[in-house]
Amino acid sequence: RPKLSGRKKTLRLDQGLLDSARRALGARTETDAVTRALE
């Protein structure tokens, strides 16, 4: 598990877009998808 640093955030995200990004990035979780996209 990557060490998560930072604060917990509440975001309103388009679920379909998040699911597509997760698949495209090969991320297992939504948090991982958002982190990879930001990176």
PDB file of all heavy atoms in Angstrom:
ATOM      1  N   ARG A   1       0.833  -1.198   0.000  1.00  0.00           N
ATOM      2  CA  ARG A   1       0.000   0.000   0.000  1.00  0.00           C
ATOM      3  C   ARG A   1       0.862   1.240   0.000  1.00  0.00           C
ATOM      4  O   ARG A   1       1.786   1.345   0.797  1.00  0.00           O
ATOM      5  CB  ARG A   1      -0.890   0.029   1.234  1.00  0.00           C
ATOM      6  CG  ARG A   1      -2.201  -0.663   1.049  1.00  0.00           C
ATOM      7  CD  ARG A   1      -3.145  -0.341   2.188  1.00  0.00           C
ATOM      8  NE  ARG A   1      -2.512  -0.555   3.472  1.00  0.00           N
ATOM      9  CZ  ARG A   1      -2.848  -1.509   4.326  1.00  0.00           C
ATOM     10  NH1 ARG A   1      -3.810  -2.324   4.037  1.00  0.00           N
ATOM     11  NH2 ARG A   1      -2.238  -1.635   5.468  1.00  0.00           N
ATOM     12  N   PRO A   2       0.552   2.196  -0.880  1.00  0.00           N
ATOM     13  CA  PRO A   2       1.296   3.448  -0.822  1.00  0.00           C
ATOM     14  C   PRO A   2       0.887   4.202   0.439  1.00  0.00           C
ATOM     15  O   PRO A   2      -0.266   4.146   0.866  1.00  0.00           O
ATOM     16  CB  PRO A   2       0.849   4.204  -2.077  1.00  0.00           C
ATOM     17  CG  PRO A   2      -0.475   3.622  -2.409  1.00  0.00           C
ATOM     18  CD  PRO A   2      -0.445   2.199  -1.926  1.00  0.00           C
ATOM     19  N   LYS A   3       1.849   4.896   1.023  1.00  0.00           N
ATOM     20  CA  LYS A   3       1.546   5.677   2.205  1.00  0.00           C
ATOM     21  C   LYS A   3       0.771   6.909   1.772  1.00  0.00           C
ATOM     22  O   LYS A   3       1.224   7.671   0.933  1.00  0.00           O
ATOM     23  CB  LYS A   3       2.829   6.088   2.917  1.00  0.00           C
ATOM     24  CG  LYS A   3       2.570   6.851   4.188  1.00  0.00           C
ATOM     25  CD  LYS A   3       3.854   7.209   4.873  1.00  0.00           C
ATOM     26  CE  LYS A   3       3.530   8.015   6.116  1.00  0.00           C
ATOM     27  NZ  LYS A   3       4.736   8.531   6.737  1.00  0.00           N
ATOM     28  N   LEU A   4      -0.405   7.074   2.327  1.00  0.00           N
ATOM     29  CA  LEU A   4      -1.223   8.232   1.988  1.00  0.00           C
ATOM     30  C   LEU A   4      -0.874   9.359   2.937  1.00  0.00           C
ATOM     31  O   LEU A   4      -0.975   9.217   4.143  1.00  0.00           O
ATOM     32  CB  LEU A   4      -2.710   7.902   2.095  1.00  0.00           C
ATOM     33  CG  LEU A   4      -3.240   6.877   1.109  1.00  0.00           C
ATOM     34  CD1 LEU A   4      -4.715   6.614   1.372  1.00  0.00           C
ATOM     35  CD2 LEU A   4      -3.060   7.366  -0.309  1.00  0.00           C
ATOM     36  N   SER A   5      -0.429  10.443   2.370  1.00  0.00           N
ATOM     37  CA  SER A   5      -0.192  11.614   3.187  1.00  0.00           C
ATOM     38  C   SER A   5      -1.155  12.690   2.718  1.00  0.00           C
ATOM     39  O   SER A   5      -1.529  12.745   1.555  1.00  0.00           O
ATOM     40  CB  SER A   5       1.247  12.079   3.042  1.00  0.00           C
ATOM     41  OG  SER A   5       1.525  12.401   1.707  1.00  0.00           O
ATOM     42  N   GLY A   6      -1.545  13.506   3.599  1.00  0.00           N
ATOM     43  CA  GLY A   6      -2.487  14.541   3.230  1.00  0.00           C
ATOM     44  C   GLY A   6      -3.772  14.375   3.999  1.00  0.00           C
ATOM     45  O   GLY A   6      -3.914  13.510   4.852  1.00  0.00           O
ATOM     46  N   ARG A   7      -4.713  15.207   3.654  1.00  0.00           N
ATOM     47  CA  ARG A   7      -5.985  15.212   4.357  1.00  0.00           C
ATOM     48  C   ARG A   7      -7.059  14.517   3.552  1.00  0.00           C
ATOM     49  O   ARG A   7      -6.997  14.473   2.335  1.00  0.00           O
ATOM     50  CB  ARG A   7      -6.407  16.643   4.620  1.00  0.00           C
ATOM     51  CG  ARG A   7      -5.504  17.327   5.617  1.00  0.00           C
ATOM     52  CD  ARG A   7      -6.071  18.643   5.988  1.00  0.00           C
ATOM     53  NE  ARG A   7      -5.423  19.657   5.139  1.00  0.00           N
ATOM     54  CZ  ARG A   7      -5.742  20.915   5.147  1.00  0.00           C
ATOM     55  NH1 ARG A   7      -6.696  21.365   5.907  1.00  0.00           N
ATOM     56  NH2 ARG A   7      -5.108  21.772   4.377  1.00  0.00           N
ATOM     57  N   LYS A   8      -8.035  14.018   4.252  1.00  0.00           N
ATOM     58  CA  LYS A   8      -9.195  13.427   3.608  1.00  0.00           C
ATOM     59  C   LYS A   8      -9.998  14.545   2.967  1.00  0.00           C
ATOM     60  O   LYS A   8     -10.184  15.604   3.550  1.00  0.00           O
ATOM     61  CB  LYS A   8     -10.049  12.696   4.639  1.00  0.00           C
ATOM     62  CG  LYS A   8     -11.220  11.980   4.046  1.00  0.00           C
ATOM     63  CD  LYS A   8     -11.952  11.191   5.096  1.00  0.00           C
ATOM     64  CE  LYS A   8     -13.128  10.487   4.462  1.00  0.00           C
ATOM     65  NZ  LYS A   8     -13.825   9.645   5.431  1.00  0.00           N
ATOM     66  N   LYS A   9     -10.451  14.335   1.746  1.00  0.00           N
ATOM     67  CA  LYS A   9     -11.199  15.342   0.996  1.00  0.00           C
ATOM     68  C   LYS A   9     -12.530  14.774   0.561  1.00  0.00           C
ATOM     69  O   LYS A   9     -12.660  13.588   0.285  1.00  0.00           O
ATOM     70  CB  LYS A   9     -10.431  15.773  -0.270  1.00  0.00           C
ATOM     71  CG  LYS A   9      -9.046  16.314  -0.020  1.00  0.00           C
ATOM     72  CD  LYS A   9      -9.143  17.681   0.595  1.00  0.00           C
ATOM     73  CE  LYS A   9      -7.745  18.229   0.813  1.00  0.00           C
ATOM     74  NZ  LYS A   9      -7.743  19.468   1.523  1.00  0.00           N
ATOM     75  N   THR A  10     -13.498  15.636   0.483  1.00  0.00           N
ATOM     76  CA  THR A  10     -14.791  15.272  -0.079  1.00  0.00           C
ATOM     77  C   THR A  10     -14.922  16.012  -1.395  1.00  0.00           C
ATOM     78  O   THR A  10     -14.841  17.237  -1.437  1.00  0.00           O
ATOM     79  CB  THR A  10     -15.936  15.672   0.870  1.00  0.00           C
ATOM     80  OG1 THR A  10     -15.745  14.992   2.115  1.00  0.00           O
ATOM     81  CG2 THR A  10     -17.281  15.300   0.272  1.00  0.00           C
ATOM     82  N   LEU A  11     -15.079  15.268  -2.480  1.00  0.00           N
ATOM     83  CA  LEU A  11     -15.157  15.847  -3.819  1.00  0.00           C
ATOM     84  C   LEU A  11     -16.406  15.352  -4.524  1.00  0.00           C
ATOM     85  O   LEU A  11     -16.813  14.210  -4.345  1.00  0.00           O
ATOM     86  CB  LEU A  11     -13.927  15.461  -4.649  1.00  0.00           C
ATOM     87  CG  LEU A  11     -12.566  15.805  -4.076  1.00  0.00           C
ATOM     88  CD1 LEU A  11     -11.478  15.128  -4.894  1.00  0.00           C
ATOM     89  CD2 LEU A  11     -12.360  17.295  -4.046  1.00  0.00           C
ATOM     90  N   ARG A  12     -16.964  16.187  -5.361  1.00  0.00           N
ATOM     91  CA  ARG A  12     -18.068  15.763  -6.219  1.00  0.00           C
ATOM     92  C   ARG A  12     -17.464  15.490  -7.592  1.00  0.00           C
ATOM     93  O   ARG A  12     -17.017  16.408  -8.270  1.00  0.00           O
ATOM     94  CB  ARG A  12     -19.127  16.852  -6.313  1.00  0.00           C
ATOM     95  CG  ARG A  12     -19.852  17.072  -5.028  1.00  0.00           C
ATOM     96  CD  ARG A  12     -20.893  18.156  -5.192  1.00  0.00           C
ATOM     97  NE  ARG A  12     -21.495  18.470  -3.930  1.00  0.00           N
ATOM     98  CZ  ARG A  12     -22.677  18.013  -3.528  1.00  0.00           C
ATOM     99  NH1 ARG A  12     -23.375  17.228  -4.309  1.00  0.00           N
ATOM    100  NH2 ARG A  12     -23.142  18.350  -2.357  1.00  0.00           N
ATOM    101  N   LEU A  13     -17.450  14.221  -7.961  1.00  0.00           N
ATOM    102  CA  LEU A  13     -16.840  13.806  -9.213  1.00  0.00           C
ATOM    103  C   LEU A  13     -17.860  13.059 -10.059  1.00  0.00           C
ATOM    104  O   LEU A  13     -18.730  12.361  -9.537  1.00  0.00           O
ATOM    105  CB  LEU A  13     -15.637  12.894  -8.944  1.00  0.00           C
ATOM    106  CG  LEU A  13     -14.523  13.482  -8.077  1.00  0.00           C
ATOM    107  CD1 LEU A  13     -13.518  12.405  -7.728  1.00  0.00           C
ATOM    108  CD2 LEU A  13     -13.851  14.633  -8.792  1.00  0.00           C
ATOM    109  N   ASP A  14     -17.722  13.180 -11.352  1.00  0.00           N
ATOM    110  CA  ASP A  14     -18.563  12.429 -12.282  1.00  0.00           C
ATOM    111  C   ASP A  14     -18.155  10.962 -12.181  1.00  0.00           C
ATOM    112  O   ASP A  14     -17.010  10.606 -12.485  1.00  0.00           O
ATOM    113  CB  ASP A  14     -18.351  12.976 -13.697  1.00  0.00           C
ATOM    114  CG  ASP A  14     -19.164  12.223 -14.716  1.00  0.00           C
ATOM    115  OD1 ASP A  14     -18.846  11.044 -14.990  1.00  0.00           O
ATOM    116  OD2 ASP A  14     -20.098  12.824 -15.268  1.00  0.00           O
ATOM    117  N   GLN A  15     -19.076  10.119 -11.743  1.00  0.00           N
ATOM    118  CA  GLN A  15     -18.751   8.713 -11.502  1.00  0.00           C
ATOM    119  C   GLN A  15     -18.313   8.001 -12.779  1.00  0.00           C
ATOM    120  O   GLN A  15     -17.382   7.204 -12.761  1.00  0.00           O
ATOM    121  CB  GLN A  15     -19.935   7.979 -10.870  1.00  0.00           C
ATOM    122  CG  GLN A  15     -19.594   6.572 -10.396  1.00  0.00           C
ATOM    123  CD  GLN A  15     -18.544   6.559  -9.295  1.00  0.00           C
ATOM    124  OE1 GLN A  15     -18.678   7.259  -8.310  1.00  0.00           O
ATOM    125  NE2 GLN A  15     -17.518   5.747  -9.468  1.00  0.00           N
ATOM    126  N   GLY A  16     -18.976   8.297 -13.896  1.00  0.00           N
ATOM    127  CA  GLY A  16     -18.588   7.663 -15.155  1.00  0.00           C
ATOM    128  C   GLY A  16     -17.182   8.047 -15.574  1.00  0.00           C
ATOM    129  O   GLY A  16     -16.397   7.197 -16.022  1.00  0.00           O
ATOM    130  N   LEU A  17     -16.856   9.311 -15.406  1.00  0.00           N
ATOM    131  CA  LEU A  17     -15.513   9.782 -15.734  1.00  0.00           C
ATOM    132  C   LEU A  17     -14.477   9.149 -14.815  1.00  0.00           C
ATOM    133  O   LEU A  17     -13.410   8.715 -15.260  1.00  0.00           O
ATOM    134  CB  LEU A  17     -15.458  11.312 -15.630  1.00  0.00           C
ATOM    135  CG  LEU A  17     -14.154  11.987 -16.020  1.00  0.00           C
ATOM    136  CD1 LEU A  17     -13.801  11.704 -17.476  1.00  0.00           C
ATOM    137  CD2 LEU A  17     -14.267  13.492 -15.788  1.00  0.00           C
ATOM    138  N   LEU A  18     -14.795   9.064 -13.544  1.00  0.00           N
ATOM    139  CA  LEU A  18     -13.883   8.444 -12.586  1.00  0.00           C
ATOM    140  C   LEU A  18     -13.674   6.965 -12.907  1.00  0.00           C
ATOM    141  O   LEU A  18     -12.547   6.471 -12.876  1.00  0.00           O
ATOM    142  CB  LEU A  18     -14.425   8.613 -11.167  1.00  0.00           C
ATOM    143  CG  LEU A  18     -13.575   8.093 -10.021  1.00  0.00           C
ATOM    144  CD1 LEU A  18     -12.174   8.690 -10.040  1.00  0.00           C
ATOM    145  CD2 LEU A  18     -14.266   8.390  -8.699  1.00  0.00           C
ATOM    146  N   ASP A  19     -14.747   6.263 -13.249  1.00  0.00           N
ATOM    147  CA  ASP A  19     -14.622   4.842 -13.618  1.00  0.00           C
ATOM    148  C   ASP A  19     -13.765   4.675 -14.867  1.00  0.00           C
ATOM    149  O   ASP A  19     -12.907   3.789 -14.929  1.00  0.00           O
ATOM    150  CB  ASP A  19     -16.005   4.226 -13.852  1.00  0.00           C
ATOM    151  CG  ASP A  19     -16.816   4.094 -12.573  1.00  0.00           C
ATOM    152  OD1 ASP A  19     -16.235   4.138 -11.471  1.00  0.00           O
ATOM    153  OD2 ASP A  19     -18.053   3.960 -12.690  1.00  0.00           O
ATOM    154  N   SER A  20     -13.970   5.548 -15.862  1.00  0.00           N
ATOM    155  CA  SER A  20     -13.175   5.484 -17.099  1.00  0.00           C
ATOM    156  C   SER A  20     -11.711   5.764 -16.810  1.00  0.00           C
ATOM    157  O   SER A  20     -10.820   5.094 -17.338  1.00  0.00           O
ATOM    158  CB  SER A  20     -13.703   6.487 -18.124  1.00  0.00           C
ATOM    159  OG  SER A  20     -14.999   6.136 -18.529  1.00  0.00           O
ATOM    160  N   ALA A  21     -11.442   6.763 -15.973  1.00  0.00           N
ATOM    161  CA  ALA A  21     -10.064   7.103 -15.619  1.00  0.00           C
ATOM    162  C   ALA A  21      -9.412   5.957 -14.859  1.00  0.00           C
ATOM    163  O   ALA A  21      -8.248   5.619 -15.102  1.00  0.00           O
ATOM    164  CB  ALA A  21     -10.029   8.380 -14.783  1.00  0.00           C
ATOM    165  N   ARG A  22     -10.165   5.345 -13.947  1.00  0.00           N
ATOM    166  CA  ARG A  22      -9.612   4.232 -13.174  1.00  0.00           C
ATOM    167  C   ARG A  22      -9.197   3.087 -14.084  1.00  0.00           C
ATOM    168  O   ARG A  22      -8.115   2.526 -13.963  1.00  0.00           O
ATOM    169  CB  ARG A  22     -10.644   3.747 -12.142  1.00  0.00           C
ATOM    170  CG  ARG A  22     -10.096   2.713 -11.170  1.00  0.00           C
ATOM    171  CD  ARG A  22     -11.115   2.288 -10.133  1.00  0.00           C
ATOM    172  NE  ARG A  22     -12.410   1.925 -10.683  1.00  0.00           N
ATOM    173  CZ  ARG A  22     -12.668   0.768 -11.314  1.00  0.00           C
ATOM    174  NH1 ARG A  22     -11.711  -0.119 -11.487  1.00  0.00           N
ATOM    175  NH2 ARG A  22     -13.870   0.523 -11.770  1.00  0.00           N
ATOM    176  N   ARG A  23     -10.058   2.761 -15.048  1.00  0.00           N
ATOM    177  CA  ARG A  23      -9.719   1.687 -15.995  1.00  0.00           C
ATOM    178  C   ARG A  23      -8.526   2.080 -16.861  1.00  0.00           C
ATOM    179  O   ARG A  23      -7.609   1.284 -17.067  1.00  0.00           O
ATOM    180  CB  ARG A  23     -10.925   1.349 -16.868  1.00  0.00           C
ATOM    181  CG  ARG A  23     -11.972   0.510 -16.168  1.00  0.00           C
ATOM    182  CD  ARG A  23     -13.038   0.002 -17.137  1.00  0.00           C
ATOM    183  NE  ARG A  23     -13.738   1.086 -17.823  1.00  0.00           N
ATOM    184  CZ  ARG A  23     -14.807   1.716 -17.349  1.00  0.00           C
ATOM    185  NH1 ARG A  23     -15.292   1.389 -16.174  1.00  0.00           N
ATOM    186  NH2 ARG A  23     -15.378   2.662 -18.053  1.00  0.00           N
ATOM    187  N   ALA A  24      -8.536   3.302 -17.395  1.00  0.00           N
ATOM    188  CA  ALA A  24      -7.455   3.755 -18.283  1.00  0.00           C
ATOM    189  C   ALA A  24      -6.109   3.786 -17.563  1.00  0.00           C
ATOM    190  O   ALA A  24      -5.070   3.501 -18.171  1.00  0.00           O
ATOM    191  CB  ALA A  24      -7.785   5.147 -18.824  1.00  0.00           C
ATOM    192  N   LEU A  25      -6.131   4.102 -16.288  1.00  0.00           N
ATOM    193  CA  LEU A  25      -4.889   4.198 -15.520  1.00  0.00           C
ATOM    194  C   LEU A  25      -4.481   2.877 -14.885  1.00  0.00           C
ATOM    195  O   LEU A  25      -3.399   2.757 -14.321  1.00  0.00           O
ATOM    196  CB  LEU A  25      -5.039   5.268 -14.429  1.00  0.00           C
ATOM    197  CG  LEU A  25      -5.197   6.695 -14.931  1.00  0.00           C
ATOM    198  CD1 LEU A  25      -5.708   7.593 -13.809  1.00  0.00           C
ATOM    199  CD2 LEU A  25      -3.883   7.213 -15.487  1.00  0.00           C
ATOM    200  N   GLY A  26      -5.372   1.904 -14.959  1.00  0.00           N
ATOM    201  CA  GLY A  26      -5.078   0.613 -14.329  1.00  0.00           C
ATOM    202  C   GLY A  26      -5.093   0.698 -12.810  1.00  0.00           C
ATOM    203  O   GLY A  26      -4.405  -0.064 -12.140  1.00  0.00           O
ATOM    204  N   ALA A  27      -5.865   1.629 -12.281  1.00  0.00           N
ATOM    205  CA  ALA A  27      -5.924   1.826 -10.835  1.00  0.00           C
ATOM    206  C   ALA A  27      -6.946   0.879 -10.225  1.00  0.00           C
ATOM    207  O   ALA A  27      -8.002   0.636 -10.798  1.00  0.00           O
ATOM    208  CB  ALA A  27      -6.299   3.273 -10.526  1.00  0.00           C
ATOM    209  N   ARG A  28      -6.633   0.374  -9.049  1.00  0.00           N
ATOM    210  CA  ARG A  28      -7.551  -0.536  -8.373  1.00  0.00           C
ATOM    211  C   ARG A  28      -8.619   0.201  -7.594  1.00  0.00           C
ATOM    212  O   ARG A  28      -9.710  -0.312  -7.401  1.00  0.00           O
ATOM    213  CB  ARG A  28      -6.770  -1.466  -7.446  1.00  0.00           C
ATOM    214  CG  ARG A  28      -5.820  -2.386  -8.206  1.00  0.00           C
ATOM    215  CD  ARG A  28      -5.161  -3.347  -7.290  1.00  0.00           C
ATOM    216  NE  ARG A  28      -6.149  -4.358  -6.909  1.00  0.00           N
ATOM    217  CZ  ARG A  28      -5.954  -5.280  -6.006  1.00  0.00           C
ATOM    218  NH1 ARG A  28      -4.828  -5.332  -5.356  1.00  0.00           N
ATOM    219  NH2 ARG A  28      -6.892  -6.153  -5.725  1.00  0.00           N
ATOM    220  N   THR A  29      -8.294   1.396  -7.120  1.00  0.00           N
ATOM    221  CA  THR A  29      -9.252   2.145  -6.317  1.00  0.00           C
ATOM    222  C   THR A  29      -9.476   3.523  -6.925  1.00  0.00           C
ATOM    223  O   THR A  29      -8.673   4.006  -7.730  1.00  0.00           O
ATOM    224  CB  THR A  29      -8.753   2.330  -4.870  1.00  0.00           C
ATOM    225  OG1 THR A  29      -7.588   3.167  -4.890  1.00  0.00           O
ATOM    226  CG2 THR A  29      -8.424   0.993  -4.214  1.00  0.00           C
ATOM    227  N   GLU A  30     -10.544   4.162  -6.503  1.00  0.00           N
ATOM    228  CA  GLU A  30     -10.821   5.509  -6.979  1.00  0.00           C
ATOM    229  C   GLU A  30      -9.764   6.487  -6.479  1.00  0.00           C
ATOM    230  O   GLU A  30      -9.326   7.369  -7.210  1.00  0.00           O
ATOM    231  CB  GLU A  30     -12.221   5.936  -6.534  1.00  0.00           C
ATOM    232  CG  GLU A  30     -13.304   5.143  -7.236  1.00  0.00           C
ATOM    233  CD  GLU A  30     -14.701   5.474  -6.752  1.00  0.00           C
ATOM    234  OE1 GLU A  30     -14.846   6.143  -5.698  1.00  0.00           O
ATOM    235  OE2 GLU A  30     -15.654   5.067  -7.450  1.00  0.00           O
ATOM    236  N   THR A  31      -9.325   6.311  -5.241  1.00  0.00           N
ATOM    237  CA  THR A  31      -8.273   7.177  -4.686  1.00  0.00           C
ATOM    238  C   THR A  31      -7.005   7.042  -5.501  1.00  0.00           C
ATOM    239  O   THR A  31      -6.345   8.043  -5.825  1.00  0.00           O
ATOM    240  CB  THR A  31      -8.008   6.821  -3.205  1.00  0.00           C
ATOM    241  OG1 THR A  31      -9.198   7.051  -2.460  1.00  0.00           O
ATOM    242  CG2 THR A  31      -6.873   7.651  -2.637  1.00  0.00           C
ATOM    243  N   ASP A  32      -6.650   5.819  -5.856  1.00  0.00           N
ATOM    244  CA  ASP A  32      -5.452   5.586  -6.662  1.00  0.00           C
ATOM    245  C   ASP A  32      -5.602   6.234  -8.038  1.00  0.00           C
ATOM    246  O   ASP A  32      -4.656   6.815  -8.568  1.00  0.00           O
ATOM    247  CB  ASP A  32      -5.201   4.084  -6.794  1.00  0.00           C
ATOM    248  CG  ASP A  32      -3.854   3.763  -7.429  1.00  0.00           C
ATOM    249  OD1 ASP A  32      -2.889   4.527  -7.228  1.00  0.00           O
ATOM    250  OD2 ASP A  32      -3.765   2.734  -8.129  1.00  0.00           O
ATOM    251  N   ALA A  33      -6.791   6.170  -8.612  1.00  0.00           N
ATOM    252  CA  ALA A  33      -7.030   6.777  -9.920  1.00  0.00           C
ATOM    253  C   ALA A  33      -6.849   8.290  -9.854  1.00  0.00           C
ATOM    254  O   ALA A  33      -6.200   8.887 -10.716  1.00  0.00           O
ATOM    255  CB  ALA A  33      -8.438   6.440 -10.415  1.00  0.00           C
ATOM    256  N   VAL A  34      -7.403   8.919  -8.837  1.00  0.00           N
ATOM    257  CA  VAL A  34      -7.269  10.368  -8.702  1.00  0.00           C
ATOM    258  C   VAL A  34      -5.807  10.734  -8.479  1.00  0.00           C
ATOM    259  O   VAL A  34      -5.293  11.673  -9.088  1.00  0.00           O
ATOM    260  CB  VAL A  34      -8.168  10.903  -7.557  1.00  0.00           C
ATOM    261  CG1 VAL A  34      -7.877  12.362  -7.269  1.00  0.00           C
ATOM    262  CG2 VAL A  34      -9.636  10.701  -7.914  1.00  0.00           C
ATOM    263  N   THR A  35      -5.116   9.982  -7.626  1.00  0.00           N
ATOM    264  CA  THR A  35      -3.696  10.250  -7.364  1.00  0.00           C
ATOM    265  C   THR A  35      -2.881  10.118  -8.638  1.00  0.00           C
ATOM    266  O   THR A  35      -2.067  10.991  -8.959  1.00  0.00           O
ATOM    267  CB  THR A  35      -3.165   9.286  -6.284  1.00  0.00           C
ATOM    268  OG1 THR A  35      -3.917   9.485  -5.084  1.00  0.00           O
ATOM    269  CG2 THR A  35      -1.687   9.525  -6.008  1.00  0.00           C
ATOM    270  N   ARG A  36      -3.097   9.035  -9.395  1.00  0.00           N
ATOM    271  CA  ARG A  36      -2.341   8.840 -10.643  1.00  0.00           C
ATOM    272  C   ARG A  36      -2.645   9.936 -11.660  1.00  0.00           C
ATOM    273  O   ARG A  36      -1.746  10.403 -12.361  1.00  0.00           O
ATOM    274  CB  ARG A  36      -2.663   7.473 -11.243  1.00  0.00           C
ATOM    275  CG  ARG A  36      -2.074   6.325 -10.466  1.00  0.00           C
ATOM    276  CD  ARG A  36      -2.378   5.016 -11.162  1.00  0.00           C
ATOM    277  NE  ARG A  36      -2.018   3.878 -10.355  1.00  0.00           N
ATOM    278  CZ  ARG A  36      -1.854   2.657 -10.838  1.00  0.00           C
ATOM    279  NH1 ARG A  36      -2.026   2.430 -12.128  1.00  0.00           N
ATOM    280  NH2 ARG A  36      -1.535   1.673 -10.041  1.00  0.00           N
ATOM    281  N   ALA A  37      -3.890  10.349 -11.744  1.00  0.00           N
ATOM    282  CA  ALA A  37      -4.257  11.413 -12.684  1.00  0.00           C
ATOM    283  C   ALA A  37      -3.595  12.728 -12.299  1.00  0.00           C
ATOM    284  O   ALA A  37      -3.072  13.439 -13.163  1.00  0.00           O
ATOM    285  CB  ALA A  37      -5.777  11.566 -12.726  1.00  0.00           C
ATOM    286  N   LEU A  38      -3.578  13.049 -11.012  1.00  0.00           N
ATOM    287  CA  LEU A  38      -2.920  14.274 -10.560  1.00  0.00           C
ATOM    288  C   LEU A  38      -1.422  14.212 -10.820  1.00  0.00           C
ATOM    289  O   LEU A  38      -0.805  15.202 -11.249  1.00  0.00           O
ATOM    290  CB  LEU A  38      -3.194  14.506  -9.072  1.00  0.00           C
ATOM    291  CG  LEU A  38      -4.638  14.865  -8.716  1.00  0.00           C
ATOM    292  CD1 LEU A  38      -4.822  14.867  -7.207  1.00  0.00           C
ATOM    293  CD2 LEU A  38      -5.027  16.200  -9.325  1.00  0.00           C
ATOM    294  N   GLU A  39      -0.818  13.055 -10.582  1.00  0.00           N
ATOM    295  CA  GLU A  39       0.615  12.887 -10.868  1.00  0.00           C
ATOM    296  C   GLU A  39       0.898  13.080 -12.350  1.00  0.00           C
ATOM    297  O   GLU A  39       1.908  13.689 -12.728  1.00  0.00           O
ATOM    298  CB  GLU A  39       1.093  11.501 -10.411  1.00  0.00           C
ATOM    299  CG  GLU A  39       1.162  11.346  -8.907  1.00  0.00           C
ATOM    300  CD  GLU A  39       1.391   9.910  -8.463  1.00  0.00           C
ATOM    301  OE1 GLU A  39       1.224   8.968  -9.268  1.00  0.00           O
ATOM    302  OE2 GLU A  39       1.723   9.735  -7.277  1.00  0.00           O
TER     303      GLU A  39
END
